């Protein structure tokens, strides 16, 4: 009887340890995801500021061109947003990008209107 009780206690402790490890791993995963999202927002803000400076200076000034590192970063963000791998960002992908990466809180209708303004050739991407 005593051995069974000890075995039951041991199994309970092992189950509690396993549950604690799982909680810690999940917490670390959530923290990592939050850090990645913050990093993406910061990178997007930096690129947005650089684009605004470039637009203000006429876009032709080499001092305001994107560096190779910035282009690589932008390509990485683009590839994450381009969920279907088409090489283009459609309205729905743009909505996900804007609200998740840029931290916006616009409605889908507002984002569609913004997208239409940004879609220079009217091609839908």
C-alpha atoms as a PDB file:
ATOM      1  CA  UNK A   1       0.000   0.000   0.000  1.00  0.00           C
ATOM      2  CA  UNK A   2       2.780   2.374   0.961  1.00  0.00           C
ATOM      3  CA  UNK A   3       4.674   1.677  -2.284  1.00  0.00           C
ATOM      4  CA  UNK A   4       1.547   2.502  -4.271  1.00  0.00           C
ATOM      5  CA  UNK A   5       1.164   5.792  -2.417  1.00  0.00           C
ATOM      6  CA  UNK A   6       4.811   6.676  -3.039  1.00  0.00           C
ATOM      7  CA  UNK A   7       4.456   5.736  -6.687  1.00  0.00           C
ATOM      8  CA  UNK A   8       1.302   7.856  -6.988  1.00  0.00           C
ATOM      9  CA  UNK A   9       3.093  10.833  -5.357  1.00  0.00           C
ATOM     10  CA  UNK A  10       6.054  10.368  -7.678  1.00  0.00           C
ATOM     11  CA  UNK A  11       3.796  10.259 -10.743  1.00  0.00           C
ATOM     12  CA  UNK A  12       1.914  13.331  -9.537  1.00  0.00           C
ATOM     13  CA  UNK A  13       5.175  15.253  -9.064  1.00  0.00           C
ATOM     14  CA  UNK A  14       6.394  14.214 -12.506  1.00  0.00           C
ATOM     15  CA  UNK A  15       3.103  15.328 -14.049  1.00  0.00           C
ATOM     16  CA  UNK A  16       3.333  18.679 -12.238  1.00  0.00           C
ATOM     17  CA  UNK A  17       6.928  19.135 -13.426  1.00  0.00           C
ATOM     18  CA  UNK A  18       5.933  18.324 -17.003  1.00  0.00           C
ATOM     19  CA  UNK A  19       3.023  20.787 -16.823  1.00  0.00           C
ATOM     20  CA  UNK A  20       5.312  23.480 -15.406  1.00  0.00           C
ATOM     21  CA  UNK A  21       7.857  22.897 -18.181  1.00  0.00           C
ATOM     22  CA  UNK A  22       5.083  23.143 -20.752  1.00  0.00           C
ATOM     23  CA  UNK A  23       3.807  26.422 -19.246  1.00  0.00           C
ATOM     24  CA  UNK A  24       7.323  27.867 -19.231  1.00  0.00           C
ATOM     25  CA  UNK A  25       7.930  26.809 -22.836  1.00  0.00           C
ATOM     26  CA  UNK A  26       4.617  28.344 -23.915  1.00  0.00           C
ATOM     27  CA  UNK A  27       5.407  31.552 -22.056  1.00  0.00           C
ATOM     28  CA  UNK A  28       8.835  31.761 -23.721  1.00  0.00           C
ATOM     29  CA  UNK A  29       7.208  31.164 -27.108  1.00  0.00           C
ATOM     30  CA  UNK A  30       4.712  33.975 -26.485  1.00  0.00           C
ATOM     31  CA  UNK A  31       7.477  36.310 -25.318  1.00  0.00           C
ATOM     32  CA  UNK A  32       9.535  35.499 -28.425  1.00  0.00           C
ATOM     33  CA  UNK A  33       6.530  36.148 -30.666  1.00  0.00           C
ATOM     34  CA  UNK A  34       5.921  39.479 -28.923  1.00  0.00           C
ATOM     35  CA  UNK A  35       9.582  40.472 -29.357  1.00  0.00           C
ATOM     36  CA  UNK A  36       9.478  39.511 -33.039  1.00  0.00           C
ATOM     37  CA  UNK A  37       6.298  41.537 -33.558  1.00  0.00           C
ATOM     38  CA  UNK A  38       7.886  44.536 -31.812  1.00  0.00           C
ATOM     39  CA  UNK A  39      11.006  44.209 -33.964  1.00  0.00           C
ATOM     40  CA  UNK A  40       8.889  44.053 -37.119  1.00  0.00           C
ATOM     41  CA  UNK A  41       6.949  47.173 -36.097  1.00  0.00           C
ATOM     42  CA  UNK A  42      10.190  49.039 -35.355  1.00  0.00           C
ATOM     43  CA  UNK A  43      11.705  47.991 -38.685  1.00  0.00           C
ATOM     44  CA  UNK A  44       8.531  48.970 -40.525  1.00  0.00           C
ATOM     45  CA  UNK A  45       8.521  52.369 -38.795  1.00  0.00           C
ATOM     46  CA  UNK A  46      12.157  52.941 -39.746  1.00  0.00           C
ATOM     47  CA  UNK A  47      11.450  52.076 -43.373  1.00  0.00           C
ATOM     48  CA  UNK A  48       8.345  54.261 -43.346  1.00  0.00           C
ATOM     49  CA  UNK A  49      10.350  57.221 -41.993  1.00  0.00           C
ATOM     50  CA  UNK A  50      13.029  56.656 -44.612  1.00  0.00           C
ATOM     51  CA  UNK A  51      10.388  56.512 -47.359  1.00  0.00           C
ATOM     52  CA  UNK A  52       8.894  59.800 -46.126  1.00  0.00           C
ATOM     53  CA  UNK A  53      12.331  61.461 -46.143  1.00  0.00           C
ATOM     54  CA  UNK A  54      12.957  60.080 -49.623  1.00  0.00           C
ATOM     55  CA  UNK A  55       9.592  61.381 -50.865  1.00  0.00           C
ATOM     56  CA  UNK A  56      10.279  64.782 -49.310  1.00  0.00           C
ATOM     57  CA  UNK A  57      13.628  64.985 -51.120  1.00  0.00           C
ATOM     58  CA  UNK A  58      12.204  63.935 -54.474  1.00  0.00           C
ATOM     59  CA  UNK A  59      13.167  60.260 -54.322  1.00  0.00           C
ATOM     60  CA  UNK A  60      16.291  60.669 -56.437  1.00  0.00           C
ATOM     61  CA  UNK A  61      18.842  61.418 -53.740  1.00  0.00           C
ATOM     62  CA  UNK A  62      21.292  58.535 -53.266  1.00  0.00           C
ATOM     63  CA  UNK A  63      21.740  59.534 -49.610  1.00  0.00           C
ATOM     64  CA  UNK A  64      18.188  58.296 -49.005  1.00  0.00           C
ATOM     65  CA  UNK A  65      18.344  55.020 -50.956  1.00  0.00           C
ATOM     66  CA  UNK A  66      17.713  51.820 -49.045  1.00  0.00           C
ATOM     67  CA  UNK A  67      20.789  49.867 -48.026  1.00  0.00           C
ATOM     68  CA  UNK A  68      21.234  46.195 -48.911  1.00  0.00           C
ATOM     69  CA  UNK A  69      20.370  45.315 -45.314  1.00  0.00           C
ATOM     70  CA  UNK A  70      17.201  47.414 -45.440  1.00  0.00           C
ATOM     71  CA  UNK A  71      16.199  45.857 -48.754  1.00  0.00           C
ATOM     72  CA  UNK A  72      16.754  42.379 -47.292  1.00  0.00           C
ATOM     73  CA  UNK A  73      14.669  43.301 -44.245  1.00  0.00           C
ATOM     74  CA  UNK A  74      11.916  44.707 -46.449  1.00  0.00           C
ATOM     75  CA  UNK A  75      11.966  41.582 -48.645  1.00  0.00           C
ATOM     76  CA  UNK A  76      11.615  39.434 -45.522  1.00  0.00           C
ATOM     77  CA  UNK A  77       8.573  41.427 -44.410  1.00  0.00           C
ATOM     78  CA  UNK A  78       7.133  41.329 -47.915  1.00  0.00           C
ATOM     79  CA  UNK A  79       7.536  37.556 -48.118  1.00  0.00           C
ATOM     80  CA  UNK A  80       5.749  37.131 -44.782  1.00  0.00           C
ATOM     81  CA  UNK A  81       2.866  39.291 -45.974  1.00  0.00           C
ATOM     82  CA  UNK A  82       2.657  37.642 -49.406  1.00  0.00           C
ATOM     83  CA  UNK A  83       0.916  34.596 -47.953  1.00  0.00           C
ATOM     84  CA  UNK A  84       0.100  32.976 -51.303  1.00  0.00           C
ATOM     85  CA  UNK A  85       3.638  33.472 -52.684  1.00  0.00           C
ATOM     86  CA  UNK A  86       2.347  35.305 -55.750  1.00  0.00           C
ATOM     87  CA  UNK A  87       5.019  38.011 -55.575  1.00  0.00           C
ATOM     88  CA  UNK A  88       2.284  40.586 -55.036  1.00  0.00           C
ATOM     89  CA  UNK A  89       0.350  41.818 -52.029  1.00  0.00           C
ATOM     90  CA  UNK A  90      -3.414  41.855 -52.487  1.00  0.00           C
ATOM     91  CA  UNK A  91      -5.948  43.781 -50.427  1.00  0.00           C
ATOM     92  CA  UNK A  92      -6.481  41.062 -47.839  1.00  0.00           C
ATOM     93  CA  UNK A  93      -2.739  40.477 -47.373  1.00  0.00           C
ATOM     94  CA  UNK A  94      -2.303  44.257 -47.033  1.00  0.00           C
ATOM     95  CA  UNK A  95      -4.966  44.350 -44.298  1.00  0.00           C
ATOM     96  CA  UNK A  96      -3.222  41.622 -42.320  1.00  0.00           C
ATOM     97  CA  UNK A  97       0.133  43.369 -42.758  1.00  0.00           C
ATOM     98  CA  UNK A  98      -1.118  46.793 -41.770  1.00  0.00           C
ATOM     99  CA  UNK A  99      -2.940  45.738 -38.639  1.00  0.00           C
ATOM    100  CA  UNK A 100      -0.475  43.058 -37.452  1.00  0.00           C
ATOM    101  CA  UNK A 101       2.932  44.412 -38.424  1.00  0.00           C
ATOM    102  CA  UNK A 102       2.284  48.144 -38.447  1.00  0.00           C
ATOM    103  CA  UNK A 103       0.141  47.937 -35.334  1.00  0.00           C
ATOM    104  CA  UNK A 104      -2.758  49.729 -36.976  1.00  0.00           C
ATOM    105  CA  UNK A 105      -6.370  49.457 -35.972  1.00  0.00           C
ATOM    106  CA  UNK A 106      -8.169  50.450 -39.151  1.00  0.00           C
ATOM    107  CA  UNK A 107     -11.314  48.722 -40.336  1.00  0.00           C
ATOM    108  CA  UNK A 108     -11.222  46.522 -43.421  1.00  0.00           C
ATOM    109  CA  UNK A 109     -13.162  49.188 -45.350  1.00  0.00           C
ATOM    110  CA  UNK A 110     -10.648  51.884 -44.383  1.00  0.00           C
ATOM    111  CA  UNK A 111      -7.752  49.616 -45.326  1.00  0.00           C
ATOM    112  CA  UNK A 112      -9.329  48.801 -48.686  1.00  0.00           C
ATOM    113  CA  UNK A 113      -9.667  52.551 -49.361  1.00  0.00           C
ATOM    114  CA  UNK A 114      -6.034  53.117 -48.361  1.00  0.00           C
ATOM    115  CA  UNK A 115      -4.945  50.193 -50.523  1.00  0.00           C
ATOM    116  CA  UNK A 116      -6.806  51.661 -53.518  1.00  0.00           C
ATOM    117  CA  UNK A 117      -4.966  54.960 -53.021  1.00  0.00           C
ATOM    118  CA  UNK A 118      -1.612  53.159 -52.862  1.00  0.00           C
ATOM    119  CA  UNK A 119      -2.363  50.881 -55.826  1.00  0.00           C
ATOM    120  CA  UNK A 120      -0.794  53.162 -58.416  1.00  0.00           C
ATOM    121  CA  UNK A 121      -1.770  51.167 -61.507  1.00  0.00           C
ATOM    122  CA  UNK A 122      -5.146  50.020 -60.203  1.00  0.00           C
ATOM    123  CA  UNK A 123      -4.177  46.388 -60.737  1.00  0.00           C
ATOM    124  CA  UNK A 124      -5.370  45.220 -57.335  1.00  0.00           C
ATOM    125  CA  UNK A 125      -1.934  44.405 -55.933  1.00  0.00           C
END
